[in-house]
Every structure is written in C-alpha cells, then in structure tokens.
Amino acid sequence: MSQSREEVPVILQFRDSPSRLDNISSLVTKVKANLPLINGFAGYMSTETIYRIIESPEIEFISFDSQVYALLDIAAPTMEANFPHDKSLEGEGITVAVIDTGVAPHYDLTRPTNRIVGFKDFVNNRTSPYDDNGHGTHVAGIIAGNGFSSRGRYVGIAPKANILGIKALNAQGGGNIS
C-alpha cells in the first residue's frame, strides 16, 4: 500500500502507560479532542506517520475517525421489537443517554414532570437542552416519550425513563465518531 503525507482524521488509543507519549503526540498535526476515557485523543496524522507508529508498543488502537450521520428513514423498519408495556416495564428509575443532535424540552419529555435529567453540548457548548436538527428529540421520544402531547396516542418504549441528552452531532446531523 502506498504511503503518503495526506492527513487523515484518526482516533488513537494508548496502552496503559505510554513511555513515549510526547514523541507520539508530536507526530500529530492537530489534536481535535483529548479522549481520557479511552486514554487517547482524536486528531490528524499523515498516513506515513500512521504506518510508522502502528506497531509501536505504546499504541493500543488506531482508527479512522469517520463521519457519522443521523438517519431517520431506517430506524422504524429495522426495529421489529414488541413494546414491553404489557409487562409493566416502563423504564421507571432508568436513565438513558441519547447521544445525537441534542434533546429539546418537548412536552412528552417534560410534562407533567421534567425527565430530561442532564444535558451536555459538545458542539456549541450550550448548557440548556436544545436540538437544532430534531433527530435527537425524535430518538428521545421513541425511547421515553410519555404521550402527553398526543393524549397517549404516541408513547415511547420506556415512557417513565429519564433522558440524559448529549449533543454530539451538529445542526445538519453530522459529526465524527470521536
């Protein structure tokens, strides 16, 4: 395979105690994000550099940081599960994280009580829940919508569950895996 100086987005994970962390970090042309949960970072590296360090004992994993998109058109046909409501499994006491385009304070999630228990925005760093695309709110509704706005006609899978909204995708529904 031909090696080049083309820069590509990568996610790099180090083993437990990288002894040459500074040496490897200096090979990155731009760090997009530190990823302490996986002991790594997202950034850009040349393919030449990737081939040079791939066998390094300090490296656990290198992955292409591909773009991801929210897709509304395939969710419903893919899910052929029966709703668990008839078994009284409604999500009470459970919190579900929705990592998507955000979560807006829709009445099906906030009435009669607000079940959006937290919100983190990795795109615009806003603190109040919002969704500038709609996909994340749609997903949260499928999960935990209680039917308040439709008088019980449209109810989610776990209508008593709490939602932790995490905005990782932009207004166009795009972002990176990191």
N, C-alpha and C. Protein backbone atom coordinates (compact mmCIF):
# COMPACT_ATOMS: atom_id res chain seq x y z
N MET A 1 0.85 -1.17 0.00
CA MET A 1 0.00 0.00 0.00
C MET A 1 0.90 1.24 0.00
N SER A 2 0.54 2.22 -0.78
CA SER A 2 1.38 3.41 -0.87
C SER A 2 1.15 4.32 0.32
N GLN A 3 2.24 4.82 0.84
CA GLN A 3 2.17 5.72 1.98
C GLN A 3 2.32 7.15 1.47
N SER A 4 1.62 8.08 2.12
CA SER A 4 1.72 9.47 1.70
C SER A 4 1.69 10.38 2.92
N ARG A 5 1.82 11.65 2.63
CA ARG A 5 1.74 12.66 3.69
C ARG A 5 0.32 13.20 3.85
N GLU A 6 -0.63 12.58 3.16
CA GLU A 6 -2.02 13.00 3.30
C GLU A 6 -2.43 12.88 4.76
N GLU A 7 -3.06 13.93 5.28
CA GLU A 7 -3.51 13.90 6.68
C GLU A 7 -4.92 13.34 6.75
N VAL A 8 -5.12 12.43 7.68
CA VAL A 8 -6.43 11.81 7.85
C VAL A 8 -6.85 11.94 9.31
N PRO A 9 -8.17 12.03 9.55
CA PRO A 9 -8.64 12.09 10.94
C PRO A 9 -8.55 10.71 11.58
N VAL A 10 -7.99 10.66 12.78
CA VAL A 10 -7.80 9.39 13.47
C VAL A 10 -8.23 9.49 14.93
N ILE A 11 -8.54 8.34 15.49
CA ILE A 11 -8.69 8.18 16.93
C ILE A 11 -7.56 7.26 17.34
N LEU A 12 -6.75 7.71 18.28
CA LEU A 12 -5.59 6.95 18.72
C LEU A 12 -5.74 6.64 20.20
N GLN A 13 -5.59 5.37 20.56
CA GLN A 13 -5.68 4.94 21.96
C GLN A 13 -4.33 4.37 22.37
N PHE A 14 -3.83 4.85 23.51
CA PHE A 14 -2.56 4.38 24.04
C PHE A 14 -2.78 3.21 24.99
N ARG A 15 -1.74 2.40 25.17
CA ARG A 15 -1.78 1.37 26.21
C ARG A 15 -1.74 2.09 27.56
N ASP A 16 -1.76 1.36 28.65
CA ASP A 16 -1.87 1.95 29.99
C ASP A 16 -0.85 3.04 30.29
N SER A 17 0.41 2.80 30.05
CA SER A 17 1.45 3.76 30.43
C SER A 17 2.38 4.05 29.26
N PRO A 18 1.97 4.94 28.36
CA PRO A 18 2.84 5.21 27.23
C PRO A 18 4.11 5.93 27.67
N SER A 19 5.26 5.30 27.43
CA SER A 19 6.53 5.90 27.85
C SER A 19 7.00 6.97 26.87
N ARG A 20 6.52 6.89 25.63
CA ARG A 20 6.93 7.89 24.64
C ARG A 20 5.73 8.72 24.18
N LEU A 21 4.82 9.02 25.08
CA LEU A 21 3.62 9.77 24.74
C LEU A 21 3.95 11.09 24.05
N ASP A 22 4.93 11.83 24.58
CA ASP A 22 5.28 13.11 23.97
C ASP A 22 5.81 12.93 22.56
N ASN A 23 6.60 11.88 22.34
CA ASN A 23 7.13 11.62 21.00
C ASN A 23 6.00 11.34 20.01
N ILE A 24 5.04 10.52 20.41
CA ILE A 24 3.93 10.18 19.52
C ILE A 24 3.01 11.37 19.34
N SER A 25 2.70 12.09 20.42
CA SER A 25 1.83 13.25 20.32
C SER A 25 2.40 14.31 19.40
N SER A 26 3.72 14.42 19.35
CA SER A 26 4.34 15.42 18.49
C SER A 26 4.19 15.08 17.01
N LEU A 27 3.83 13.85 16.69
CA LEU A 27 3.63 13.45 15.31
C LEU A 27 2.24 13.81 14.78
N VAL A 28 1.38 14.26 15.67
CA VAL A 28 0.02 14.65 15.30
C VAL A 28 0.05 16.08 14.79
N THR A 29 -0.59 16.33 13.64
CA THR A 29 -0.58 17.69 13.10
C THR A 29 -1.60 18.58 13.80
N LYS A 30 -2.69 18.00 14.28
CA LYS A 30 -3.69 18.78 15.00
C LYS A 30 -4.47 17.84 15.91
N VAL A 31 -4.59 18.20 17.19
CA VAL A 31 -5.41 17.42 18.12
C VAL A 31 -6.80 18.04 18.15
N LYS A 32 -7.83 17.25 17.82
CA LYS A 32 -9.21 17.73 17.86
C LYS A 32 -9.78 17.63 19.27
N ALA A 33 -9.48 16.54 19.95
CA ALA A 33 -10.06 16.32 21.27
C ALA A 33 -9.22 15.31 22.04
N ASN A 34 -9.02 15.59 23.31
CA ASN A 34 -8.44 14.58 24.20
C ASN A 34 -9.56 13.63 24.60
N LEU A 35 -9.26 12.36 24.66
CA LEU A 35 -10.26 11.35 25.00
C LEU A 35 -9.77 10.54 26.20
N PRO A 36 -9.83 11.14 27.41
CA PRO A 36 -9.28 10.48 28.59
C PRO A 36 -9.98 9.17 28.95
N LEU A 37 -11.24 9.00 28.57
CA LEU A 37 -11.94 7.75 28.89
C LEU A 37 -11.31 6.55 28.21
N ILE A 38 -10.67 6.77 27.06
CA ILE A 38 -10.02 5.67 26.37
C ILE A 38 -8.50 5.82 26.36
N ASN A 39 -7.98 6.79 27.14
CA ASN A 39 -6.54 7.05 27.20
C ASN A 39 -6.00 7.36 25.80
N GLY A 40 -6.64 8.33 25.15
CA GLY A 40 -6.23 8.66 23.80
C GLY A 40 -6.68 10.04 23.38
N PHE A 41 -6.74 10.24 22.07
CA PHE A 41 -7.17 11.52 21.52
C PHE A 41 -7.66 11.32 20.09
N ALA A 42 -8.34 12.34 19.59
CA ALA A 42 -8.73 12.40 18.18
C ALA A 42 -7.94 13.53 17.56
N GLY A 43 -7.42 13.29 16.38
CA GLY A 43 -6.63 14.32 15.70
C GLY A 43 -6.35 13.93 14.27
N TYR A 44 -5.37 14.59 13.69
CA TYR A 44 -4.99 14.34 12.30
C TYR A 44 -3.55 13.87 12.25
N MET A 45 -3.30 12.85 11.45
CA MET A 45 -1.95 12.32 11.25
C MET A 45 -1.78 12.01 9.76
N SER A 46 -0.54 12.06 9.32
CA SER A 46 -0.27 11.65 7.94
C SER A 46 -0.30 10.13 7.88
N THR A 47 -0.65 9.60 6.73
CA THR A 47 -0.66 8.14 6.58
C THR A 47 0.74 7.58 6.77
N GLU A 48 1.74 8.34 6.38
CA GLU A 48 3.13 7.93 6.59
C GLU A 48 3.41 7.71 8.08
N THR A 49 2.95 8.66 8.90
CA THR A 49 3.15 8.56 10.35
C THR A 49 2.38 7.38 10.92
N ILE A 50 1.17 7.18 10.45
CA ILE A 50 0.36 6.06 10.95
C ILE A 50 1.07 4.74 10.69
N TYR A 51 1.59 4.56 9.49
CA TYR A 51 2.32 3.32 9.18
C TYR A 51 3.58 3.18 10.03
N ARG A 52 4.19 4.31 10.39
CA ARG A 52 5.41 4.27 11.19
C ARG A 52 5.15 3.86 12.63
N ILE A 53 4.01 4.27 13.20
CA ILE A 53 3.77 4.02 14.63
C ILE A 53 2.80 2.87 14.90
N ILE A 54 2.21 2.30 13.88
CA ILE A 54 1.17 1.29 14.07
C ILE A 54 1.62 0.10 14.92
N GLU A 55 2.87 -0.28 14.83
CA GLU A 55 3.38 -1.42 15.60
C GLU A 55 4.02 -1.01 16.92
N SER A 56 3.96 0.26 17.26
CA SER A 56 4.57 0.75 18.50
C SER A 56 3.93 0.09 19.71
N PRO A 57 4.72 -0.31 20.70
CA PRO A 57 4.15 -0.93 21.90
C PRO A 57 3.30 0.05 22.72
N GLU A 58 3.45 1.35 22.48
CA GLU A 58 2.65 2.34 23.20
C GLU A 58 1.23 2.47 22.65
N ILE A 59 1.01 1.97 21.43
CA ILE A 59 -0.27 2.14 20.76
C ILE A 59 -1.15 0.91 20.97
N GLU A 60 -2.35 1.13 21.50
CA GLU A 60 -3.34 0.05 21.66
C GLU A 60 -4.17 -0.09 20.39
N PHE A 61 -4.54 1.07 19.80
CA PHE A 61 -5.53 1.05 18.72
C PHE A 61 -5.45 2.35 17.94
N ILE A 62 -5.56 2.27 16.63
CA ILE A 62 -5.71 3.45 15.77
C ILE A 62 -6.90 3.19 14.85
N SER A 63 -7.79 4.17 14.75
CA SER A 63 -8.97 4.02 13.90
C SER A 63 -9.17 5.30 13.10
N PHE A 64 -9.71 5.15 11.91
CA PHE A 64 -10.13 6.30 11.12
C PHE A 64 -11.29 6.96 11.84
N ASP A 65 -11.26 8.26 12.02
CA ASP A 65 -12.33 9.00 12.70
C ASP A 65 -13.36 9.41 11.65
N SER A 66 -14.18 8.45 11.26
CA SER A 66 -15.14 8.69 10.18
C SER A 66 -16.30 9.55 10.64
N GLN A 67 -16.93 10.20 9.68
CA GLN A 67 -18.11 10.99 9.98
C GLN A 67 -19.30 10.07 10.18
N VAL A 68 -20.23 10.50 11.02
CA VAL A 68 -21.46 9.76 11.26
C VAL A 68 -22.64 10.70 11.05
N TYR A 69 -23.78 10.15 10.69
CA TYR A 69 -24.97 10.96 10.42
C TYR A 69 -26.19 10.32 11.06
N ALA A 70 -27.11 11.17 11.47
CA ALA A 70 -28.39 10.70 11.98
C ALA A 70 -29.25 10.29 10.79
N LEU A 71 -29.88 9.13 10.86
CA LEU A 71 -30.73 8.66 9.77
C LEU A 71 -32.12 8.35 10.29
N LEU A 72 -33.09 9.16 9.91
CA LEU A 72 -34.46 8.95 10.35
C LEU A 72 -35.17 7.85 9.57
N ASP A 73 -34.74 7.59 8.35
CA ASP A 73 -35.52 6.75 7.46
C ASP A 73 -35.34 5.25 7.65
N ILE A 74 -34.39 4.81 8.48
CA ILE A 74 -34.19 3.36 8.62
C ILE A 74 -34.50 2.83 10.01
N ALA A 75 -34.77 3.72 10.97
CA ALA A 75 -34.95 3.28 12.35
C ALA A 75 -36.19 2.40 12.53
N ALA A 76 -37.35 2.87 12.09
CA ALA A 76 -38.59 2.14 12.33
C ALA A 76 -38.63 0.78 11.63
N PRO A 77 -38.27 0.68 10.34
CA PRO A 77 -38.33 -0.64 9.70
C PRO A 77 -37.33 -1.64 10.29
N THR A 78 -36.23 -1.14 10.84
CA THR A 78 -35.20 -2.03 11.37
C THR A 78 -35.63 -2.66 12.69
N MET A 79 -36.39 -1.90 13.48
CA MET A 79 -36.77 -2.37 14.82
C MET A 79 -38.07 -3.16 14.75
N GLU A 80 -37.97 -4.44 14.95
CA GLU A 80 -39.16 -5.30 14.92
C GLU A 80 -39.43 -5.86 16.31
N ALA A 81 -39.27 -5.02 17.31
CA ALA A 81 -39.47 -5.48 18.69
C ALA A 81 -40.85 -5.09 19.17
N ASN A 82 -41.42 -5.91 20.02
CA ASN A 82 -42.70 -5.57 20.65
C ASN A 82 -42.43 -4.66 21.83
N PHE A 83 -43.30 -3.68 22.03
CA PHE A 83 -43.13 -2.79 23.17
C PHE A 83 -43.38 -3.57 24.45
N PRO A 84 -42.60 -3.29 25.48
CA PRO A 84 -42.72 -4.05 26.73
C PRO A 84 -43.81 -3.55 27.67
N HIS A 85 -44.67 -2.60 27.24
CA HIS A 85 -45.65 -2.01 28.15
C HIS A 85 -46.58 -3.04 28.79
N ASP A 86 -46.94 -4.06 28.03
CA ASP A 86 -47.87 -5.02 28.58
C ASP A 86 -47.28 -5.82 29.74
N LYS A 87 -45.98 -5.70 29.97
CA LYS A 87 -45.34 -6.37 31.10
C LYS A 87 -44.96 -5.37 32.19
N SER A 88 -45.51 -4.17 32.11
CA SER A 88 -45.25 -3.11 33.09
C SER A 88 -43.78 -2.73 33.18
N LEU A 89 -43.06 -2.89 32.09
CA LEU A 89 -41.66 -2.45 32.04
C LEU A 89 -41.65 -1.10 31.33
N GLU A 90 -41.70 -0.02 32.12
CA GLU A 90 -41.86 1.31 31.54
C GLU A 90 -40.66 2.21 31.76
N GLY A 91 -39.57 1.68 32.29
CA GLY A 91 -38.34 2.46 32.43
C GLY A 91 -38.23 3.28 33.69
N GLU A 92 -39.13 3.10 34.62
CA GLU A 92 -39.07 3.89 35.85
C GLU A 92 -37.76 3.63 36.59
N GLY A 93 -37.07 4.72 36.97
CA GLY A 93 -35.80 4.61 37.67
C GLY A 93 -34.60 4.40 36.76
N ILE A 94 -34.82 4.39 35.46
CA ILE A 94 -33.75 4.17 34.47
C ILE A 94 -33.46 5.50 33.77
N THR A 95 -32.17 5.78 33.53
CA THR A 95 -31.77 6.94 32.74
C THR A 95 -31.09 6.44 31.47
N VAL A 96 -31.53 6.97 30.34
CA VAL A 96 -30.99 6.58 29.04
C VAL A 96 -30.27 7.78 28.43
N ALA A 97 -29.02 7.59 28.04
CA ALA A 97 -28.26 8.65 27.36
C ALA A 97 -28.59 8.63 25.88
N VAL A 98 -28.95 9.78 25.34
CA VAL A 98 -29.21 9.93 23.91
C VAL A 98 -28.08 10.78 23.34
N ILE A 99 -27.14 10.13 22.65
CA ILE A 99 -26.00 10.82 22.04
C ILE A 99 -26.37 11.07 20.59
N ASP A 100 -26.71 12.33 20.28
CA ASP A 100 -27.30 12.63 18.98
C ASP A 100 -27.17 14.12 18.70
N THR A 101 -28.22 14.71 18.11
CA THR A 101 -28.22 16.13 17.74
C THR A 101 -28.70 17.03 18.87
N GLY A 102 -28.88 16.47 20.05
CA GLY A 102 -29.40 17.21 21.20
C GLY A 102 -30.75 16.65 21.59
N VAL A 103 -31.36 17.23 22.60
CA VAL A 103 -32.71 16.87 23.02
C VAL A 103 -33.42 18.16 23.41
N ALA A 104 -34.51 18.46 22.72
CA ALA A 104 -35.30 19.65 23.04
C ALA A 104 -36.28 19.32 24.16
N PRO A 105 -36.66 20.32 24.96
CA PRO A 105 -37.61 20.08 26.06
C PRO A 105 -39.04 19.91 25.55
N HIS A 106 -39.31 18.84 24.84
CA HIS A 106 -40.62 18.52 24.30
C HIS A 106 -41.55 18.12 25.45
N TYR A 107 -42.82 18.47 25.33
CA TYR A 107 -43.78 18.15 26.40
C TYR A 107 -43.83 16.66 26.73
N ASP A 108 -43.60 15.80 25.76
CA ASP A 108 -43.63 14.35 26.04
C ASP A 108 -42.48 13.92 26.94
N LEU A 109 -41.48 14.80 27.11
CA LEU A 109 -40.34 14.51 27.98
C LEU A 109 -40.33 15.37 29.24
N THR A 110 -41.14 16.44 29.25
CA THR A 110 -41.07 17.39 30.38
C THR A 110 -42.38 17.57 31.14
N ARG A 111 -43.46 16.98 30.68
CA ARG A 111 -44.74 17.11 31.36
C ARG A 111 -45.24 15.74 31.79
N PRO A 112 -45.87 15.53 32.88
CA PRO A 112 -46.10 16.52 33.93
C PRO A 112 -44.84 16.85 34.73
N THR A 113 -43.80 16.00 34.64
CA THR A 113 -42.53 16.33 35.29
C THR A 113 -41.41 16.23 34.26
N ASN A 114 -40.39 17.04 34.45
CA ASN A 114 -39.25 17.06 33.52
C ASN A 114 -38.39 15.82 33.74
N ARG A 115 -38.27 14.99 32.71
CA ARG A 115 -37.45 13.78 32.79
C ARG A 115 -36.14 13.92 32.01
N ILE A 116 -35.83 15.14 31.54
CA ILE A 116 -34.51 15.40 30.96
C ILE A 116 -33.62 15.76 32.15
N VAL A 117 -32.86 14.80 32.64
CA VAL A 117 -32.14 14.96 33.90
C VAL A 117 -30.74 15.55 33.73
N GLY A 118 -30.28 15.68 32.51
CA GLY A 118 -28.97 16.27 32.26
C GLY A 118 -28.79 16.55 30.79
N PHE A 119 -27.86 17.46 30.48
CA PHE A 119 -27.60 17.81 29.09
C PHE A 119 -26.16 18.27 28.96
N LYS A 120 -25.46 17.77 27.94
CA LYS A 120 -24.08 18.18 27.65
C LYS A 120 -23.98 18.44 26.15
N ASP A 121 -23.46 19.61 25.79
CA ASP A 121 -23.33 20.01 24.39
C ASP A 121 -21.86 20.04 23.99
N PHE A 122 -21.44 19.07 23.19
CA PHE A 122 -20.06 19.00 22.71
C PHE A 122 -19.87 19.76 21.40
N VAL A 123 -20.93 20.33 20.85
CA VAL A 123 -20.85 21.04 19.57
C VAL A 123 -20.75 22.55 19.79
N ASN A 124 -21.71 23.12 20.51
CA ASN A 124 -21.77 24.57 20.71
C ASN A 124 -21.57 25.01 22.15
N ASN A 125 -21.37 24.05 23.05
CA ASN A 125 -21.12 24.32 24.47
C ASN A 125 -22.25 25.08 25.16
N ARG A 126 -23.48 24.89 24.70
CA ARG A 126 -24.62 25.50 25.39
C ARG A 126 -24.98 24.62 26.59
N THR A 127 -25.64 25.22 27.57
CA THR A 127 -25.94 24.48 28.80
C THR A 127 -27.40 24.03 28.90
N SER A 128 -28.32 24.71 28.25
CA SER A 128 -29.73 24.33 28.30
C SER A 128 -30.05 23.34 27.18
N PRO A 129 -30.90 22.36 27.45
CA PRO A 129 -31.25 21.39 26.42
C PRO A 129 -31.85 22.04 25.18
N TYR A 130 -31.39 21.60 24.01
CA TYR A 130 -31.94 22.05 22.73
C TYR A 130 -31.58 21.02 21.66
N ASP A 131 -32.21 21.14 20.52
CA ASP A 131 -31.93 20.25 19.39
C ASP A 131 -32.15 21.06 18.12
N ASP A 132 -31.09 21.42 17.42
CA ASP A 132 -31.20 22.24 16.22
C ASP A 132 -31.37 21.41 14.95
N ASN A 133 -31.66 20.12 15.12
CA ASN A 133 -31.91 19.24 13.99
C ASN A 133 -33.23 18.50 14.14
N GLY A 134 -33.52 18.03 15.33
CA GLY A 134 -34.76 17.30 15.59
C GLY A 134 -34.59 15.80 15.76
N HIS A 135 -33.51 15.25 15.22
CA HIS A 135 -33.32 13.80 15.28
C HIS A 135 -33.17 13.29 16.71
N GLY A 136 -32.36 13.98 17.52
CA GLY A 136 -32.15 13.55 18.90
C GLY A 136 -33.43 13.57 19.72
N THR A 137 -34.25 14.60 19.52
CA THR A 137 -35.53 14.68 20.22
C THR A 137 -36.45 13.56 19.75
N HIS A 138 -36.41 13.26 18.46
CA HIS A 138 -37.19 12.15 17.92
C HIS A 138 -36.78 10.83 18.57
N VAL A 139 -35.47 10.60 18.68
CA VAL A 139 -34.96 9.38 19.31
C VAL A 139 -35.37 9.33 20.78
N ALA A 140 -35.23 10.46 21.48
CA ALA A 140 -35.63 10.51 22.89
C ALA A 140 -37.12 10.21 23.05
N GLY A 141 -37.93 10.68 22.10
CA GLY A 141 -39.37 10.40 22.13
C GLY A 141 -39.67 8.92 21.90
N ILE A 142 -38.94 8.30 20.98
CA ILE A 142 -39.12 6.86 20.76
C ILE A 142 -38.77 6.09 22.03
N ILE A 143 -37.75 6.55 22.72
CA ILE A 143 -37.32 5.88 23.94
C ILE A 143 -38.26 6.17 25.11
N ALA A 144 -38.50 7.47 25.38
CA ALA A 144 -39.14 7.83 26.65
C ALA A 144 -40.32 8.79 26.54
N GLY A 145 -40.82 9.01 25.34
CA GLY A 145 -41.99 9.88 25.21
C GLY A 145 -43.18 9.29 25.96
N ASN A 146 -43.89 10.13 26.71
CA ASN A 146 -45.00 9.61 27.52
C ASN A 146 -46.37 9.85 26.89
N GLY A 147 -46.41 10.44 25.69
CA GLY A 147 -47.69 10.65 25.03
C GLY A 147 -48.45 11.87 25.50
N PHE A 148 -47.84 12.74 26.29
CA PHE A 148 -48.52 13.92 26.83
C PHE A 148 -49.12 14.77 25.72
N SER A 149 -48.36 15.03 24.66
CA SER A 149 -48.82 15.92 23.58
C SER A 149 -49.90 15.29 22.71
N SER A 150 -49.95 13.98 22.65
CA SER A 150 -50.92 13.29 21.80
C SER A 150 -52.03 12.63 22.62
N ARG A 151 -52.11 12.98 23.89
CA ARG A 151 -53.09 12.39 24.81
C ARG A 151 -52.99 10.86 24.83
N GLY A 152 -51.74 10.38 24.84
CA GLY A 152 -51.50 8.96 24.98
C GLY A 152 -51.44 8.16 23.69
N ARG A 153 -51.63 8.81 22.55
CA ARG A 153 -51.63 8.07 21.29
C ARG A 153 -50.22 7.62 20.89
N TYR A 154 -49.22 8.49 21.05
CA TYR A 154 -47.84 8.16 20.68
C TYR A 154 -47.00 8.09 21.94
N VAL A 155 -46.65 6.88 22.34
CA VAL A 155 -45.92 6.64 23.58
C VAL A 155 -44.64 5.88 23.24
N GLY A 156 -43.55 6.25 23.90
CA GLY A 156 -42.26 5.60 23.66
C GLY A 156 -42.16 4.22 24.31
N ILE A 157 -41.03 3.60 24.10
CA ILE A 157 -40.79 2.25 24.60
C ILE A 157 -40.73 2.21 26.13
N ALA A 158 -40.14 3.24 26.73
CA ALA A 158 -39.99 3.31 28.20
C ALA A 158 -40.48 4.68 28.66
N PRO A 159 -41.78 4.90 28.71
CA PRO A 159 -42.34 6.23 28.94
C PRO A 159 -42.10 6.84 30.33
N LYS A 160 -41.52 6.08 31.23
CA LYS A 160 -41.19 6.64 32.55
C LYS A 160 -39.69 6.80 32.75
N ALA A 161 -38.91 6.52 31.71
CA ALA A 161 -37.45 6.63 31.81
C ALA A 161 -37.02 8.10 31.77
N ASN A 162 -35.88 8.37 32.37
CA ASN A 162 -35.26 9.69 32.30
C ASN A 162 -34.34 9.74 31.08
N ILE A 163 -34.05 10.96 30.63
CA ILE A 163 -33.19 11.16 29.46
C ILE A 163 -32.00 12.02 29.85
N LEU A 164 -30.82 11.58 29.45
CA LEU A 164 -29.60 12.38 29.54
C LEU A 164 -29.25 12.75 28.10
N GLY A 165 -29.44 14.02 27.73
CA GLY A 165 -29.20 14.46 26.37
C GLY A 165 -27.73 14.83 26.16
N ILE A 166 -27.12 14.26 25.14
CA ILE A 166 -25.73 14.58 24.81
C ILE A 166 -25.69 14.99 23.34
N LYS A 167 -25.39 16.26 23.11
CA LYS A 167 -25.32 16.77 21.74
C LYS A 167 -23.92 16.55 21.20
N ALA A 168 -23.79 15.59 20.26
CA ALA A 168 -22.52 15.28 19.63
C ALA A 168 -22.57 15.50 18.12
N LEU A 169 -23.78 15.72 17.58
CA LEU A 169 -23.95 15.95 16.15
C LEU A 169 -24.45 17.37 15.90
N ASN A 170 -24.01 17.98 14.80
CA ASN A 170 -24.36 19.37 14.51
C ASN A 170 -25.77 19.50 13.94
N ALA A 171 -26.13 20.72 13.53
CA ALA A 171 -27.47 21.00 13.03
C ALA A 171 -27.80 20.22 11.77
N GLN A 172 -26.80 19.81 11.02
CA GLN A 172 -27.02 19.00 9.82
C GLN A 172 -27.05 17.50 10.15
N GLY A 173 -26.88 17.15 11.41
CA GLY A 173 -26.91 15.75 11.82
C GLY A 173 -25.58 15.05 11.64
N GLY A 174 -24.50 15.81 11.43
CA GLY A 174 -23.19 15.21 11.20
C GLY A 174 -22.23 15.46 12.34
N GLY A 175 -21.21 14.65 12.40
CA GLY A 175 -20.16 14.79 13.40
C GLY A 175 -19.13 13.71 13.15
N ASN A 176 -18.24 13.53 14.08
CA ASN A 176 -17.24 12.48 13.98
C ASN A 176 -17.41 11.49 15.11
N ILE A 177 -16.91 10.29 14.92
CA ILE A 177 -17.02 9.25 15.94
C ILE A 177 -16.41 9.71 17.26
N SER A 178 -15.32 10.47 17.21
CA SER A 178 -14.67 10.92 18.44
C SER A 178 -15.52 11.92 19.17
